[in-house]
Amino acid sequence: MADTNGQIDISRVLNNTFGVIGRNPVVFLGLSLLIVGIPNLFVQLAQGDPAASLGFFTSPTVILGSIFGFFLSVFFSVVLQATLIVATLNDLAGKPINLGDCIKTAIGKFLPLIGLGILVSLGIGFGLLLLIVPGIILALMWLVATPVMMAEDKGIIASLKRSAELTSGSKMILFILLIVFIIVAMIIGFIGGILSFWSAFMVAIVSALVNTLIGAIQGAGVASIYIDLRTAKEGADTGSLADVFA
């Protein structure tokens, strides 16, 4: 049933975001740990090793490996977010999550997702360079472009337009919601900072765990926002969204 004012409900989005993670910790936290947390741990440990830092500048093999690692990181990050979005849509529709199918769907959209990410980054970056406010508006306007692409099987431009339609009239609430997510991330980071006080190794471990949790929240959060926007504006049933991946 659609919301009477056509706007999203912050508490419902938060409940859906953390609820889906709580119901599927192995999928959300495990996948995020594998793709975000562990690579981050290796980077943190390497940065703490002076020999490794020196080797970066003197060894062509290390440089080439780092470049390859960067592109591999981009690939896995895109696949992670898309996979968690698909998983969230299925969970909130009451359907079981098949991790293999979710990953397959995400990889199938990899190139369009890269194109979408580049276009969104350029647009927001240019807007921030102008007066900051235009960049923030574009970020809010295109916030759910990725879930749109995954759930509605639209192209890059169509996904941006559809995202703009869904977020129309809800930008202030979305801005508040993003602030809430940022505060949550800061609290997690602050707690992590306290726990990692004793040694550089603990800093690396806690940093990896913090990034794992934030990665899971990001993927589930943007999908929850998309679902709530559709519910508020169109009364869309989450079951109809999950049918896309059936």
Protein backbone atom coordinates (compact mmCIF):
# COMPACT_ATOMS: atom_id res chain seq x y z
CA MET A 1 0.00 0.00 0.00
CA ALA A 2 1.36 3.42 -0.96
CA ASP A 3 2.24 6.00 1.62
CA THR A 4 -0.33 8.79 1.76
CA ASN A 5 2.24 11.52 1.25
CA GLY A 6 4.29 9.61 -1.32
CA GLN A 7 7.46 9.83 0.78
CA ILE A 8 9.66 7.23 2.36
CA ASP A 9 9.65 6.25 6.02
CA ILE A 10 13.08 6.54 7.65
CA SER A 11 12.37 4.06 10.44
CA ARG A 12 11.09 1.49 7.96
CA VAL A 13 14.19 1.85 5.78
CA LEU A 14 16.46 1.41 8.80
CA ASN A 15 14.47 -1.60 10.03
CA ASN A 16 14.63 -3.21 6.59
CA THR A 17 18.34 -2.48 6.21
CA PHE A 18 19.46 -3.97 9.51
CA GLY A 19 16.75 -6.62 9.47
CA VAL A 20 17.91 -8.13 6.18
CA ILE A 21 21.51 -8.19 7.42
CA GLY A 22 20.43 -9.82 10.68
CA ARG A 23 18.44 -12.49 8.85
CA ASN A 24 21.26 -13.24 6.41
CA PRO A 25 24.56 -12.52 8.22
CA VAL A 26 26.52 -15.14 6.28
CA VAL A 27 25.52 -13.64 2.93
CA PHE A 28 25.86 -9.96 3.80
CA LEU A 29 28.70 -9.93 6.31
CA GLY A 30 30.50 -12.96 4.87
CA LEU A 31 30.50 -11.64 1.31
CA SER A 32 31.44 -8.15 2.44
CA LEU A 33 34.29 -9.57 4.54
CA LEU A 34 35.58 -11.59 1.60
CA ILE A 35 35.42 -8.75 -0.95
CA VAL A 36 36.03 -5.66 1.20
CA GLY A 37 37.33 -6.63 4.64
CA ILE A 38 40.12 -9.07 3.82
CA PRO A 39 41.62 -7.01 0.95
CA ASN A 40 41.50 -3.97 3.24
CA LEU A 41 43.33 -5.97 5.92
CA PHE A 42 46.16 -6.85 3.52
CA VAL A 43 46.47 -3.22 2.41
CA GLN A 44 46.60 -2.02 6.02
CA LEU A 45 49.28 -4.55 6.93
CA ALA A 46 51.34 -3.73 3.83
CA GLN A 47 51.21 -0.01 4.59
CA GLY A 48 52.56 -0.72 8.04
CA ASP A 49 55.60 -2.46 6.56
CA PRO A 50 58.32 0.02 5.49
CA ALA A 51 59.93 -2.56 3.21
CA ALA A 52 56.63 -3.10 1.42
CA SER A 53 56.16 0.65 0.99
CA LEU A 54 59.67 1.01 -0.44
CA GLY A 55 59.10 -1.95 -2.72
CA PHE A 56 56.08 -0.24 -4.23
CA PHE A 57 58.30 2.45 -5.70
CA THR A 58 61.20 0.22 -6.76
CA SER A 59 59.61 -2.96 -8.10
CA PRO A 60 57.79 -2.92 -11.48
CA THR A 61 56.18 -6.20 -10.53
CA VAL A 62 54.67 -4.67 -7.40
CA ILE A 63 53.48 -1.62 -9.35
CA LEU A 64 51.81 -3.77 -12.02
CA GLY A 65 50.36 -5.97 -9.32
CA SER A 66 48.94 -2.93 -7.54
CA ILE A 67 47.34 -1.62 -10.75
CA PHE A 68 45.83 -5.04 -11.41
CA GLY A 69 44.68 -5.18 -7.80
CA PHE A 70 42.97 -1.80 -8.16
CA PHE A 71 40.89 -2.90 -11.15
CA LEU A 72 40.14 -6.21 -9.46
CA SER A 73 38.97 -4.27 -6.40
CA VAL A 74 36.67 -2.14 -8.56
CA PHE A 75 35.22 -5.28 -10.14
CA PHE A 76 34.55 -6.98 -6.82
CA SER A 77 33.16 -3.81 -5.21
CA VAL A 78 30.64 -3.36 -8.04
CA VAL A 79 29.68 -7.03 -7.91
CA LEU A 80 29.35 -6.87 -4.10
CA GLN A 81 26.93 -3.96 -4.08
CA ALA A 82 24.86 -5.36 -6.94
CA THR A 83 24.75 -8.80 -5.31
CA LEU A 84 23.63 -7.40 -1.97
CA ILE A 85 20.98 -5.30 -3.72
CA VAL A 86 19.53 -8.38 -5.42
CA ALA A 87 19.71 -10.33 -2.16
CA THR A 88 17.89 -7.54 -0.30
CA LEU A 89 15.11 -7.39 -2.89
CA ASN A 90 14.55 -11.12 -2.59
CA ASP A 91 14.67 -11.15 1.21
CA LEU A 92 12.20 -8.31 1.61
CA ALA A 93 9.89 -10.11 -0.81
CA GLY A 94 9.98 -13.14 1.47
CA LYS A 95 11.97 -15.24 -0.98
CA PRO A 96 15.00 -17.38 -0.08
CA ILE A 97 18.35 -15.94 -1.08
CA ASN A 98 20.36 -18.01 -3.54
CA LEU A 99 23.83 -16.47 -3.37
CA GLY A 100 24.94 -18.05 -6.64
CA ASP A 101 21.98 -16.61 -8.53
CA CYS A 102 22.50 -13.19 -6.94
CA ILE A 103 26.17 -13.11 -7.98
CA LYS A 104 25.29 -14.34 -11.49
CA THR A 105 22.73 -11.55 -11.89
CA ALA A 106 25.23 -8.96 -10.65
CA ILE A 107 28.02 -10.11 -12.98
CA GLY A 108 25.59 -10.09 -15.90
CA LYS A 109 25.10 -6.35 -15.33
CA PHE A 110 28.76 -5.57 -14.68
CA LEU A 111 29.52 -3.40 -17.73
CA PRO A 112 26.31 -1.31 -17.49
CA LEU A 113 26.99 -0.88 -13.76
CA ILE A 114 30.51 0.38 -14.50
CA GLY A 115 29.12 2.82 -17.07
CA LEU A 116 26.48 3.98 -14.61
CA GLY A 117 29.08 4.44 -11.88
CA ILE A 118 31.34 6.51 -14.15
CA LEU A 119 28.49 8.75 -15.30
CA VAL A 120 27.18 9.28 -11.77
CA SER A 121 30.67 10.03 -10.43
CA LEU A 122 31.39 12.55 -13.19
CA GLY A 123 28.03 14.26 -12.74
CA ILE A 124 28.25 14.50 -8.96
CA GLY A 125 31.93 15.50 -9.08
CA PHE A 126 31.23 18.29 -11.55
CA GLY A 127 28.29 19.46 -9.44
CA LEU A 128 30.44 19.55 -6.31
CA LEU A 129 33.09 21.58 -8.14
CA LEU A 130 30.50 24.18 -9.11
CA LEU A 131 28.70 25.08 -5.90
CA ILE A 132 28.63 21.86 -3.81
CA VAL A 133 24.82 22.00 -3.57
CA PRO A 134 24.24 20.84 -7.19
CA GLY A 135 26.48 17.86 -6.49
CA ILE A 136 24.49 16.92 -3.39
CA ILE A 137 21.23 17.26 -5.32
CA LEU A 138 22.52 15.00 -8.09
CA ALA A 139 23.74 12.46 -5.53
CA LEU A 140 20.28 12.33 -3.96
CA MET A 141 18.53 12.31 -7.35
CA TRP A 142 20.58 9.36 -8.61
CA LEU A 143 20.76 7.52 -5.29
CA VAL A 144 18.73 4.50 -6.39
CA ALA A 145 19.95 4.28 -9.99
CA THR A 146 21.79 1.01 -9.28
CA PRO A 147 18.79 -0.77 -7.70
CA VAL A 148 16.66 0.48 -10.61
CA MET A 149 19.09 -1.05 -13.10
CA MET A 150 19.13 -4.35 -11.21
CA ALA A 151 15.41 -4.65 -10.44
CA GLU A 152 13.84 -3.09 -13.53
CA ASP A 153 16.43 -4.13 -16.13
CA LYS A 154 16.88 -0.61 -17.49
CA GLY A 155 19.82 0.93 -19.33
CA ILE A 156 22.15 3.58 -17.94
CA ILE A 157 20.22 6.71 -18.95
CA ALA A 158 16.85 5.12 -18.24
CA SER A 159 18.04 4.12 -14.75
CA LEU A 160 19.15 7.69 -14.01
CA LYS A 161 15.80 9.08 -15.18
CA ARG A 162 13.85 6.50 -13.21
CA SER A 163 15.89 7.22 -10.08
CA ALA A 164 15.16 10.93 -10.49
CA GLU A 165 11.44 10.16 -10.73
CA LEU A 166 11.42 8.00 -7.62
CA THR A 167 13.41 10.45 -5.50
CA SER A 168 11.38 13.47 -6.62
CA GLY A 169 9.75 15.11 -3.60
CA SER A 170 11.76 13.02 -1.14
CA LYS A 171 15.20 14.60 -1.36
CA MET A 172 15.09 16.24 2.06
CA ILE A 173 14.09 12.99 3.75
CA LEU A 174 16.76 11.16 1.76
CA PHE A 175 19.32 13.72 2.86
CA ILE A 176 18.34 13.19 6.51
CA LEU A 177 18.49 9.43 5.99
CA LEU A 178 21.98 9.65 4.51
CA ILE A 179 23.06 11.75 7.49
CA VAL A 180 21.72 9.00 9.76
CA PHE A 181 23.72 6.38 7.84
CA ILE A 182 26.83 8.56 8.04
CA ILE A 183 26.38 8.94 11.81
CA VAL A 184 25.98 5.17 12.16
CA ALA A 185 29.18 4.66 10.14
CA MET A 186 30.99 7.22 12.31
CA ILE A 187 29.84 5.47 15.49
CA ILE A 188 31.03 2.13 14.14
CA GLY A 189 34.35 3.71 13.20
CA PHE A 190 34.67 5.39 16.61
CA ILE A 191 34.05 2.12 18.45
CA GLY A 192 36.51 0.44 16.13
CA GLY A 193 39.07 3.12 16.90
CA ILE A 194 38.75 2.49 20.62
CA LEU A 195 39.08 -1.27 20.16
CA SER A 196 42.17 -0.86 17.98
CA PHE A 197 44.02 1.38 20.42
CA TRP A 198 46.59 -1.20 21.49
CA SER A 199 48.58 -1.97 18.33
CA ALA A 200 48.96 -1.39 14.59
CA PHE A 201 47.89 -4.98 13.96
CA MET A 202 44.66 -4.41 15.88
CA VAL A 203 44.09 -1.23 13.85
CA ALA A 204 44.29 -3.29 10.66
CA ILE A 205 41.96 -6.00 12.00
CA VAL A 206 39.34 -3.58 13.31
CA SER A 207 39.53 -1.44 10.17
CA ALA A 208 38.79 -4.53 8.07
CA LEU A 209 35.82 -5.43 10.26
CA VAL A 210 34.48 -1.87 10.18
CA ASN A 211 34.71 -1.75 6.39
CA THR A 212 33.00 -5.13 6.22
CA LEU A 213 30.05 -3.89 8.24
CA ILE A 214 29.80 -0.60 6.35
CA GLY A 215 29.91 -2.45 3.02
CA ALA A 216 27.00 -4.66 4.07
CA ILE A 217 24.99 -1.68 5.32
CA GLN A 218 25.61 0.25 2.10
CA GLY A 219 24.36 -2.56 -0.14
CA ALA A 220 21.29 -3.36 1.95
CA GLY A 221 20.57 0.31 2.64
CA VAL A 222 20.35 1.55 -0.94
CA ALA A 223 18.11 -1.39 -1.89
CA SER A 224 15.84 -0.71 1.10
CA ILE A 225 15.58 2.95 0.09
CA TYR A 226 14.62 1.94 -3.46
CA ILE A 227 11.94 -0.46 -2.24
CA ASP A 228 10.49 2.11 0.15
CA LEU A 229 10.41 4.79 -2.56
CA ARG A 230 8.50 2.46 -4.88
CA THR A 231 6.14 1.47 -2.11
CA ALA A 232 5.50 5.09 -1.13
CA LYS A 233 4.99 6.38 -4.67
CA GLU A 234 3.44 3.43 -6.46
CA GLY A 235 2.32 0.97 -3.82
CA ALA A 236 4.59 -1.61 -5.48
CA ASP A 237 4.66 -5.02 -3.86
CA THR A 238 8.18 -6.25 -3.11
CA GLY A 239 7.14 -9.59 -4.52
CA SER A 240 6.77 -8.01 -7.95
CA LEU A 241 10.34 -6.70 -7.64
CA ALA A 242 11.78 -10.09 -6.76
CA ASP A 243 9.97 -11.69 -9.71
CA VAL A 244 12.60 -10.04 -11.91
CA PHE A 245 15.16 -12.50 -10.54
CA ALA A 246 12.91 -15.55 -10.42
